[in-house]
């Protein structure tokens, strides 16, 4: 197996150009929203709105301004599938359409997907959706076809500021930590890494450098494996079934005893 590969996204140098979005759509031949006649959202310049089956990259525009608009900042972040080391989507897929590749990335095989949507509800990041053109669940593949050919993913290749960086996870973590230290020395004490350690779903193979709380960027502060709750839930279900069965047996025996008593009466 090849060394794990992924993305490190430094949000402090993102300029919101959306080159990554365009490159992703072009390479993966993803359709436009409503044939290119998408209604403007009216919320800053974020008209992509969210990650879904036809938007595998999404540049978020987060405005933080005072009421008089005299002071503030924009937070920009190119969001994508996290390719979790412990991936809930992969665990719940009933057809084994979702696989882990030799690069430790998570890929949905459209030809094996039955469109059941289990992976959509399992993902704690809201990454996966149905592609209306194919009727199957789709998301970022980290350009698996390009990786197989020794090429860099289209989005990071197109990024003009190196906000999106591609490489081995170990190398990316080293680069990211140095960048955090650099920002701290420059006075940006809020800088930290999100998803770079194993505490978060075993580690995210697409992790971020942020300068505000995760919720501000639309990220969960402590994402959980929803499938980890299935075992406890299954025990409760089994216990409930046993209790119902016992009640049925008791009720059946009581009814039998009542019928026998009636028959024995003179």
C-alpha atoms as a PDB file:
ATOM      1  CA  UNK A   1       0.000   0.000   0.000  1.00  0.00           C
ATOM      2  CA  UNK A   2       1.262   3.473  -0.905  1.00  0.00           C
ATOM      3  CA  UNK A   3       1.922   6.048   1.793  1.00  0.00           C
ATOM      4  CA  UNK A   4      -1.311   7.841   2.849  1.00  0.00           C
ATOM      5  CA  UNK A   5      -1.965  10.933   0.732  1.00  0.00           C
ATOM      6  CA  UNK A   6      -4.222  13.893   1.289  1.00  0.00           C
ATOM      7  CA  UNK A   7      -4.793  17.652   1.512  1.00  0.00           C
ATOM      8  CA  UNK A   8      -3.673  20.312   3.948  1.00  0.00           C
ATOM      9  CA  UNK A   9      -5.673  23.528   3.516  1.00  0.00           C
ATOM     10  CA  UNK A  10      -4.247  26.776   4.899  1.00  0.00           C
ATOM     11  CA  UNK A  11      -7.319  28.995   5.111  1.00  0.00           C
ATOM     12  CA  UNK A  12      -5.241  32.093   5.880  1.00  0.00           C
ATOM     13  CA  UNK A  13      -3.983  32.331   2.291  1.00  0.00           C
ATOM     14  CA  UNK A  14      -7.205  31.425   0.469  1.00  0.00           C
ATOM     15  CA  UNK A  15      -8.318  34.340  -1.747  1.00  0.00           C
ATOM     16  CA  UNK A  16     -11.720  32.933  -2.728  1.00  0.00           C
ATOM     17  CA  UNK A  17     -10.893  32.724  -6.438  1.00  0.00           C
ATOM     18  CA  UNK A  18     -12.717  29.365  -6.804  1.00  0.00           C
ATOM     19  CA  UNK A  19     -10.066  28.015  -9.168  1.00  0.00           C
ATOM     20  CA  UNK A  20     -10.268  24.766  -7.186  1.00  0.00           C
ATOM     21  CA  UNK A  21     -14.031  24.518  -7.768  1.00  0.00           C
ATOM     22  CA  UNK A  22     -13.654  25.086 -11.501  1.00  0.00           C
ATOM     23  CA  UNK A  23     -10.763  22.631 -11.836  1.00  0.00           C
ATOM     24  CA  UNK A  24     -12.696  19.978  -9.916  1.00  0.00           C
ATOM     25  CA  UNK A  25     -15.771  20.341 -12.097  1.00  0.00           C
ATOM     26  CA  UNK A  26     -13.776  20.329 -15.318  1.00  0.00           C
ATOM     27  CA  UNK A  27     -11.681  17.285 -14.505  1.00  0.00           C
ATOM     28  CA  UNK A  28     -14.540  15.213 -13.073  1.00  0.00           C
ATOM     29  CA  UNK A  29     -17.050  16.430 -15.702  1.00  0.00           C
ATOM     30  CA  UNK A  30     -19.582  17.461 -13.072  1.00  0.00           C
ATOM     31  CA  UNK A  31     -22.748  19.192 -14.292  1.00  0.00           C
ATOM     32  CA  UNK A  32     -23.622  22.757 -13.372  1.00  0.00           C
ATOM     33  CA  UNK A  33     -26.557  23.647 -11.131  1.00  0.00           C
ATOM     34  CA  UNK A  34     -29.781  24.010 -13.096  1.00  0.00           C
ATOM     35  CA  UNK A  35     -27.915  24.006 -16.375  1.00  0.00           C
ATOM     36  CA  UNK A  36     -25.835  27.007 -15.343  1.00  0.00           C
ATOM     37  CA  UNK A  37     -28.853  29.123 -14.355  1.00  0.00           C
ATOM     38  CA  UNK A  38     -28.246  28.938 -10.623  1.00  0.00           C
ATOM     39  CA  UNK A  39     -30.092  31.525  -8.537  1.00  0.00           C
ATOM     40  CA  UNK A  40     -27.751  33.870  -6.691  1.00  0.00           C
ATOM     41  CA  UNK A  41     -27.777  33.123  -2.994  1.00  0.00           C
ATOM     42  CA  UNK A  42     -27.452  36.729  -1.854  1.00  0.00           C
ATOM     43  CA  UNK A  43     -25.034  35.738   0.900  1.00  0.00           C
ATOM     44  CA  UNK A  44     -21.673  37.323   0.039  1.00  0.00           C
ATOM     45  CA  UNK A  45     -20.084  35.577  -2.970  1.00  0.00           C
ATOM     46  CA  UNK A  46     -20.870  32.046  -1.815  1.00  0.00           C
ATOM     47  CA  UNK A  47     -23.231  30.875  -4.548  1.00  0.00           C
ATOM     48  CA  UNK A  48     -22.099  27.243  -4.535  1.00  0.00           C
ATOM     49  CA  UNK A  49     -23.867  27.017  -1.168  1.00  0.00           C
ATOM     50  CA  UNK A  50     -22.625  23.582  -0.055  1.00  0.00           C
ATOM     51  CA  UNK A  51     -20.876  20.353  -0.895  1.00  0.00           C
ATOM     52  CA  UNK A  52     -23.121  17.885  -2.709  1.00  0.00           C
ATOM     53  CA  UNK A  53     -23.225  15.360  -5.521  1.00  0.00           C
ATOM     54  CA  UNK A  54     -22.187  17.888  -8.188  1.00  0.00           C
ATOM     55  CA  UNK A  55     -20.058  20.202  -6.029  1.00  0.00           C
ATOM     56  CA  UNK A  56     -17.098  18.248  -4.684  1.00  0.00           C
ATOM     57  CA  UNK A  57     -15.273  21.477  -3.761  1.00  0.00           C
ATOM     58  CA  UNK A  58     -16.901  24.437  -2.060  1.00  0.00           C
ATOM     59  CA  UNK A  59     -15.230  27.756  -1.262  1.00  0.00           C
ATOM     60  CA  UNK A  60     -16.888  29.237   1.826  1.00  0.00           C
ATOM     61  CA  UNK A  61     -17.104  33.028   2.257  1.00  0.00           C
ATOM     62  CA  UNK A  62     -17.577  33.929   5.927  1.00  0.00           C
ATOM     63  CA  UNK A  63     -18.039  37.613   6.695  1.00  0.00           C
ATOM     64  CA  UNK A  64     -17.191  38.916  10.168  1.00  0.00           C
ATOM     65  CA  UNK A  65     -17.983  42.631  10.346  1.00  0.00           C
ATOM     66  CA  UNK A  66     -19.171  45.103  12.952  1.00  0.00           C
ATOM     67  CA  UNK A  67     -22.664  46.539  12.515  1.00  0.00           C
ATOM     68  CA  UNK A  68     -21.302  49.773  11.069  1.00  0.00           C
ATOM     69  CA  UNK A  69     -19.107  47.767   8.650  1.00  0.00           C
ATOM     70  CA  UNK A  70     -16.057  49.811   9.642  1.00  0.00           C
ATOM     71  CA  UNK A  71     -14.121  46.871  10.985  1.00  0.00           C
ATOM     72  CA  UNK A  72     -14.100  43.208  10.072  1.00  0.00           C
ATOM     73  CA  UNK A  73     -12.632  40.404   8.018  1.00  0.00           C
ATOM     74  CA  UNK A  74     -13.478  37.654   5.590  1.00  0.00           C
ATOM     75  CA  UNK A  75     -12.681  34.058   6.397  1.00  0.00           C
ATOM     76  CA  UNK A  76     -12.290  31.956   3.260  1.00  0.00           C
ATOM     77  CA  UNK A  77     -12.057  28.189   3.157  1.00  0.00           C
ATOM     78  CA  UNK A  78     -12.096  25.637   0.367  1.00  0.00           C
ATOM     79  CA  UNK A  79     -14.046  22.712   1.791  1.00  0.00           C
ATOM     80  CA  UNK A  80     -13.931  19.113   0.565  1.00  0.00           C
ATOM     81  CA  UNK A  81     -14.412  15.511   1.705  1.00  0.00           C
ATOM     82  CA  UNK A  82     -12.186  14.764   4.708  1.00  0.00           C
ATOM     83  CA  UNK A  83     -11.292  11.191   3.647  1.00  0.00           C
ATOM     84  CA  UNK A  84     -11.526  10.147   7.306  1.00  0.00           C
ATOM     85  CA  UNK A  85      -9.277   7.365   8.564  1.00  0.00           C
ATOM     86  CA  UNK A  86     -12.353   6.024  10.391  1.00  0.00           C
ATOM     87  CA  UNK A  87     -14.979   6.677   7.730  1.00  0.00           C
ATOM     88  CA  UNK A  88     -18.592   6.202   8.782  1.00  0.00           C
ATOM     89  CA  UNK A  89     -19.798   6.262   5.167  1.00  0.00           C
ATOM     90  CA  UNK A  90     -17.637   3.266   4.326  1.00  0.00           C
ATOM     91  CA  UNK A  91     -18.901   1.279   7.312  1.00  0.00           C
ATOM     92  CA  UNK A  92     -22.602   1.722   6.566  1.00  0.00           C
ATOM     93  CA  UNK A  93     -22.540   1.114   2.795  1.00  0.00           C
ATOM     94  CA  UNK A  94     -24.610  -2.054   2.167  1.00  0.00           C
ATOM     95  CA  UNK A  95     -23.221  -2.759  -1.305  1.00  0.00           C
ATOM     96  CA  UNK A  96     -19.506  -2.163  -0.618  1.00  0.00           C
ATOM     97  CA  UNK A  97     -19.618   0.648  -3.150  1.00  0.00           C
ATOM     98  CA  UNK A  98     -17.425   2.774  -0.860  1.00  0.00           C
ATOM     99  CA  UNK A  99     -13.830   1.588  -0.652  1.00  0.00           C
ATOM    100  CA  UNK A 100     -10.524   2.688   0.816  1.00  0.00           C
ATOM    101  CA  UNK A 101      -7.873   3.001  -1.864  1.00  0.00           C
ATOM    102  CA  UNK A 102      -4.177   2.236  -1.745  1.00  0.00           C
ATOM    103  CA  UNK A 103      -3.623   5.954  -1.025  1.00  0.00           C
ATOM    104  CA  UNK A 104      -5.791   5.722   2.150  1.00  0.00           C
ATOM    105  CA  UNK A 105      -8.487   7.822   0.475  1.00  0.00           C
ATOM    106  CA  UNK A 106     -12.212   7.024   0.450  1.00  0.00           C
ATOM    107  CA  UNK A 107     -13.898   6.581  -2.943  1.00  0.00           C
ATOM    108  CA  UNK A 108     -17.494   5.824  -3.975  1.00  0.00           C
ATOM    109  CA  UNK A 109     -17.784   3.434  -6.916  1.00  0.00           C
ATOM    110  CA  UNK A 110     -20.829   4.675  -8.790  1.00  0.00           C
ATOM    111  CA  UNK A 111     -21.376   1.400 -10.636  1.00  0.00           C
ATOM    112  CA  UNK A 112     -21.918  -0.390  -7.305  1.00  0.00           C
ATOM    113  CA  UNK A 113     -23.959   2.333  -5.567  1.00  0.00           C
ATOM    114  CA  UNK A 114     -27.699   1.650  -5.257  1.00  0.00           C
ATOM    115  CA  UNK A 115     -28.589   5.181  -4.118  1.00  0.00           C
ATOM    116  CA  UNK A 116     -29.796   4.064  -0.673  1.00  0.00           C
ATOM    117  CA  UNK A 117     -28.447   7.279   0.968  1.00  0.00           C
ATOM    118  CA  UNK A 118     -27.102   5.492   4.074  1.00  0.00           C
ATOM    119  CA  UNK A 119     -23.713   7.146   3.580  1.00  0.00           C
ATOM    120  CA  UNK A 120     -25.331  10.597   3.377  1.00  0.00           C
ATOM    121  CA  UNK A 121     -26.852  10.323   6.842  1.00  0.00           C
ATOM    122  CA  UNK A 122     -23.700   8.703   8.283  1.00  0.00           C
ATOM    123  CA  UNK A 123     -21.244  11.428   7.220  1.00  0.00           C
ATOM    124  CA  UNK A 124     -20.706  13.871  10.138  1.00  0.00           C
ATOM    125  CA  UNK A 125     -19.508  16.578   7.732  1.00  0.00           C
ATOM    126  CA  UNK A 126     -22.446  16.597   5.298  1.00  0.00           C
ATOM    127  CA  UNK A 127     -20.152  15.934   2.354  1.00  0.00           C
ATOM    128  CA  UNK A 128     -22.041  13.311   0.345  1.00  0.00           C
ATOM    129  CA  UNK A 129     -25.155  13.791  -1.775  1.00  0.00           C
ATOM    130  CA  UNK A 130     -26.897  12.239  -4.742  1.00  0.00           C
ATOM    131  CA  UNK A 131     -25.733  13.344  -8.171  1.00  0.00           C
ATOM    132  CA  UNK A 132     -28.991  13.928 -10.090  1.00  0.00           C
ATOM    133  CA  UNK A 133     -27.294  13.036 -13.364  1.00  0.00           C
ATOM    134  CA  UNK A 134     -26.279   9.549 -12.222  1.00  0.00           C
ATOM    135  CA  UNK A 135     -28.739   8.901  -9.382  1.00  0.00           C
ATOM    136  CA  UNK A 136     -25.871   7.702  -7.189  1.00  0.00           C
ATOM    137  CA  UNK A 137     -24.086   9.132  -4.157  1.00  0.00           C
ATOM    138  CA  UNK A 138     -20.961  11.054  -5.102  1.00  0.00           C
ATOM    139  CA  UNK A 139     -18.205  13.139  -3.511  1.00  0.00           C
ATOM    140  CA  UNK A 140     -14.538  14.034  -3.888  1.00  0.00           C
ATOM    141  CA  UNK A 141     -12.322  11.109  -4.878  1.00  0.00           C
ATOM    142  CA  UNK A 142      -9.118  13.061  -4.247  1.00  0.00           C
ATOM    143  CA  UNK A 143      -8.724  12.615  -8.013  1.00  0.00           C
ATOM    144  CA  UNK A 144      -8.074   8.890  -7.666  1.00  0.00           C
ATOM    145  CA  UNK A 145      -7.625   8.520 -11.415  1.00  0.00           C
ATOM    146  CA  UNK A 146      -4.977  11.240 -11.436  1.00  0.00           C
ATOM    147  CA  UNK A 147      -3.157   9.710  -8.458  1.00  0.00           C
ATOM    148  CA  UNK A 148      -2.998   6.385 -10.260  1.00  0.00           C
ATOM    149  CA  UNK A 149      -1.282   8.193 -13.131  1.00  0.00           C
ATOM    150  CA  UNK A 150       1.175   9.954 -10.839  1.00  0.00           C
ATOM    151  CA  UNK A 151      -0.586  13.326 -11.162  1.00  0.00           C
ATOM    152  CA  UNK A 152      -1.579  15.847  -8.512  1.00  0.00           C
ATOM    153  CA  UNK A 153      -5.319  16.389  -7.830  1.00  0.00           C
ATOM    154  CA  UNK A 154      -6.854  19.036 -10.077  1.00  0.00           C
ATOM    155  CA  UNK A 155      -7.907  21.387  -7.256  1.00  0.00           C
ATOM    156  CA  UNK A 156      -4.526  21.697  -5.539  1.00  0.00           C
ATOM    157  CA  UNK A 157      -2.813  21.938  -8.916  1.00  0.00           C
ATOM    158  CA  UNK A 158      -5.001  24.924  -9.802  1.00  0.00           C
ATOM    159  CA  UNK A 159      -4.701  26.754  -6.448  1.00  0.00           C
ATOM    160  CA  UNK A 160      -2.670  29.957  -7.096  1.00  0.00           C
ATOM    161  CA  UNK A 161      -1.751  30.638  -3.443  1.00  0.00           C
ATOM    162  CA  UNK A 162      -0.993  27.082  -2.279  1.00  0.00           C
ATOM    163  CA  UNK A 163      -3.869  27.301   0.147  1.00  0.00           C
ATOM    164  CA  UNK A 164      -4.633  23.717  -0.885  1.00  0.00           C
ATOM    165  CA  UNK A 165      -1.526  21.583  -0.574  1.00  0.00           C
ATOM    166  CA  UNK A 166      -1.263  17.945  -1.644  1.00  0.00           C
ATOM    167  CA  UNK A 167       1.223  15.343  -0.484  1.00  0.00           C
ATOM    168  CA  UNK A 168       1.863  12.543   1.965  1.00  0.00           C
ATOM    169  CA  UNK A 169       0.063  12.992   5.274  1.00  0.00           C
ATOM    170  CA  UNK A 170       3.295  12.942   7.272  1.00  0.00           C
ATOM    171  CA  UNK A 171       4.849  15.646   5.101  1.00  0.00           C
ATOM    172  CA  UNK A 172       1.694  17.772   5.188  1.00  0.00           C
ATOM    173  CA  UNK A 173       1.490  17.607   8.981  1.00  0.00           C
ATOM    174  CA  UNK A 174       5.060  18.832   9.225  1.00  0.00           C
ATOM    175  CA  UNK A 175       4.384  21.735   6.871  1.00  0.00           C
ATOM    176  CA  UNK A 176       1.159  22.616   8.672  1.00  0.00           C
ATOM    177  CA  UNK A 177       2.757  22.670  12.118  1.00  0.00           C
ATOM    178  CA  UNK A 178       5.533  24.973  10.915  1.00  0.00           C
ATOM    179  CA  UNK A 179       2.916  27.299   9.444  1.00  0.00           C
ATOM    180  CA  UNK A 180       1.030  27.424  12.755  1.00  0.00           C
ATOM    181  CA  UNK A 181       4.238  28.313  14.577  1.00  0.00           C
ATOM    182  CA  UNK A 182       4.979  31.004  12.002  1.00  0.00           C
ATOM    183  CA  UNK A 183       1.544  32.554  12.456  1.00  0.00           C
ATOM    184  CA  UNK A 184       1.859  32.462  16.243  1.00  0.00           C
ATOM    185  CA  UNK A 185       5.179  34.270  16.018  1.00  0.00           C
ATOM    186  CA  UNK A 186       3.565  36.869  13.744  1.00  0.00           C
ATOM    187  CA  UNK A 187       0.870  37.525  16.326  1.00  0.00           C
ATOM    188  CA  UNK A 188      -1.966  35.323  15.009  1.00  0.00           C
ATOM    189  CA  UNK A 189      -2.376  33.275  18.188  1.00  0.00           C
ATOM    190  CA  UNK A 190      -5.738  31.855  17.081  1.00  0.00           C
ATOM    191  CA  UNK A 191      -4.190  29.645  14.398  1.00  0.00           C
ATOM    192  CA  UNK A 192      -4.531  25.894  14.977  1.00  0.00           C
ATOM    193  CA  UNK A 193      -4.932  22.646  13.044  1.00  0.00           C
ATOM    194  CA  UNK A 194      -8.302  20.948  12.661  1.00  0.00           C
ATOM    195  CA  UNK A 195      -8.321  17.178  12.078  1.00  0.00           C
ATOM    196  CA  UNK A 196      -4.556  16.704  11.910  1.00  0.00           C
ATOM    197  CA  UNK A 197      -4.328  14.300  14.865  1.00  0.00           C
ATOM    198  CA  UNK A 198      -5.814  10.877  15.489  1.00  0.00           C
ATOM    199  CA  UNK A 199      -8.303  12.129  18.074  1.00  0.00           C
ATOM    200  CA  UNK A 200     -10.713  13.161  15.319  1.00  0.00           C
ATOM    201  CA  UNK A 201     -12.042  10.039  13.580  1.00  0.00           C
ATOM    202  CA  UNK A 202      -8.566   8.526  13.529  1.00  0.00           C
ATOM    203  CA  UNK A 203      -7.311  11.593  11.675  1.00  0.00           C
ATOM    204  CA  UNK A 204      -8.582  13.427   8.616  1.00  0.00           C
ATOM    205  CA  UNK A 205      -6.667  12.935   5.382  1.00  0.00           C
ATOM    206  CA  UNK A 206      -7.914  16.389   4.448  1.00  0.00           C
ATOM    207  CA  UNK A 207      -7.215  18.691   7.384  1.00  0.00           C
ATOM    208  CA  UNK A 208      -7.234  22.455   7.891  1.00  0.00           C
ATOM    209  CA  UNK A 209      -5.462  25.405   9.439  1.00  0.00           C
ATOM    210  CA  UNK A 210      -8.145  27.613  11.001  1.00  0.00           C
ATOM    211  CA  UNK A 211      -8.155  30.911  12.882  1.00  0.00           C
ATOM    212  CA  UNK A 212     -11.590  30.678  14.477  1.00  0.00           C
ATOM    213  CA  UNK A 213     -13.842  28.063  16.040  1.00  0.00           C
ATOM    214  CA  UNK A 214     -14.774  25.118  13.792  1.00  0.00           C
ATOM    215  CA  UNK A 215     -18.459  26.082  13.972  1.00  0.00           C
ATOM    216  CA  UNK A 216     -17.665  29.405  12.298  1.00  0.00           C
ATOM    217  CA  UNK A 217     -16.477  27.476   9.248  1.00  0.00           C
ATOM    218  CA  UNK A 218     -19.456  25.129   9.360  1.00  0.00           C
ATOM    219  CA  UNK A 219     -17.362  22.272  10.756  1.00  0.00           C
ATOM    220  CA  UNK A 220     -18.393  20.104  13.729  1.00  0.00           C
ATOM    221  CA  UNK A 221     -16.153  20.715  16.767  1.00  0.00           C
ATOM    222  CA  UNK A 222     -16.180  17.054  17.750  1.00  0.00           C
ATOM    223  CA  UNK A 223     -17.447  14.825  14.922  1.00  0.00           C
ATOM    224  CA  UNK A 224     -18.485  11.330  15.944  1.00  0.00           C
ATOM    225  CA  UNK A 225     -18.708   8.000  14.228  1.00  0.00           C
ATOM    226  CA  UNK A 226     -22.457   7.523  14.095  1.00  0.00           C
ATOM    227  CA  UNK A 227     -21.885   3.832  13.469  1.00  0.00           C
ATOM    228  CA  UNK A 228     -20.266   3.577  16.908  1.00  0.00           C
ATOM    229  CA  UNK A 229     -23.764   3.989  18.357  1.00  0.00           C
ATOM    230  CA  UNK A 230     -25.152   1.114  16.327  1.00  0.00           C
ATOM    231  CA  UNK A 231     -23.828  -1.580  18.655  1.00  0.00           C
ATOM    232  CA  UNK A 232     -25.538  -0.094  21.693  1.00  0.00           C
ATOM    233  CA  UNK A 233     -28.671   0.486  19.649  1.00  0.00           C
ATOM    234  CA  UNK A 234     -28.670  -3.093  18.411  1.00  0.00           C
ATOM    235  CA  UNK A 235     -28.447  -4.381  21.992  1.00  0.00           C
ATOM    236  CA  UNK A 236     -31.448  -2.292  22.996  1.00  0.00           C
ATOM    237  CA  UNK A 237     -33.335  -3.565  19.963  1.00  0.00           C
ATOM    238  CA  UNK A 238     -32.474  -7.160  20.788  1.00  0.00           C
ATOM    239  CA  UNK A 239     -33.477  -6.681  24.430  1.00  0.00           C
ATOM    240  CA  UNK A 240     -36.762  -5.128  23.337  1.00  0.00           C
ATOM    241  CA  UNK A 241     -37.437  -8.060  21.027  1.00  0.00           C
ATOM    242  CA  UNK A 242     -36.748 -10.545  23.852  1.00  0.00           C
ATOM    243  CA  UNK A 243     -39.112  -8.698  26.210  1.00  0.00           C
ATOM    244  CA  UNK A 244     -41.850  -8.612  23.582  1.00  0.00           C
ATOM    245  CA  UNK A 245     -41.343 -12.335  22.995  1.00  0.00           C
ATOM    246  CA  UNK A 246     -41.558 -13.122  26.713  1.00  0.00           C
ATOM    247  CA  UNK A 247     -44.716 -11.054  27.059  1.00  0.00           C
ATOM    248  CA  UNK A 248     -46.240 -12.902  24.117  1.00  0.00           C
ATOM    249  CA  UNK A 249     -45.374 -16.278  25.672  1.00  0.00           C
ATOM    250  CA  UNK A 250     -46.804 -15.263  29.053  1.00  0.00           C
ATOM    251  CA  UNK A 251     -49.949 -13.928  27.410  1.00  0.00           C
ATOM    252  CA  UNK A 252     -50.326 -17.115  25.368  1.00  0.00           C
ATOM    253  CA  UNK A 253     -49.919 -19.298  28.469  1.00  0.00           C
ATOM    254  CA  UNK A 254     -52.430 -17.203  30.413  1.00  0.00           C
ATOM    255  CA  UNK A 255     -54.939 -17.486  27.601  1.00  0.00           C
ATOM    256  CA  UNK A 256     -54.380 -21.249  27.494  1.00  0.00           C
ATOM    257  CA  UNK A 257     -54.896 -21.529  31.249  1.00  0.00           C
ATOM    258  CA  UNK A 258     -58.130 -19.510  31.043  1.00  0.00           C
ATOM    259  CA  UNK A 259     -59.485 -21.738  28.271  1.00  0.00           C
ATOM    260  CA  UNK A 260     -58.639 -24.901  30.220  1.00  0.00           C
ATOM    261  CA  UNK A 261     -60.363 -23.505  33.310  1.00  0.00           C
ATOM    262  CA  UNK A 262     -63.510 -22.755  31.315  1.00  0.00           C
ATOM    263  CA  UNK A 263     -63.529 -26.259  29.864  1.00  0.00           C
ATOM    264  CA  UNK A 264     -63.212 -27.855  33.334  1.00  0.00           C
ATOM    265  CA  UNK A 265     -66.208 -25.963  34.682  1.00  0.00           C
ATOM    266  CA  UNK A 266     -69.385 -28.159  35.021  1.00  0.00           C
END
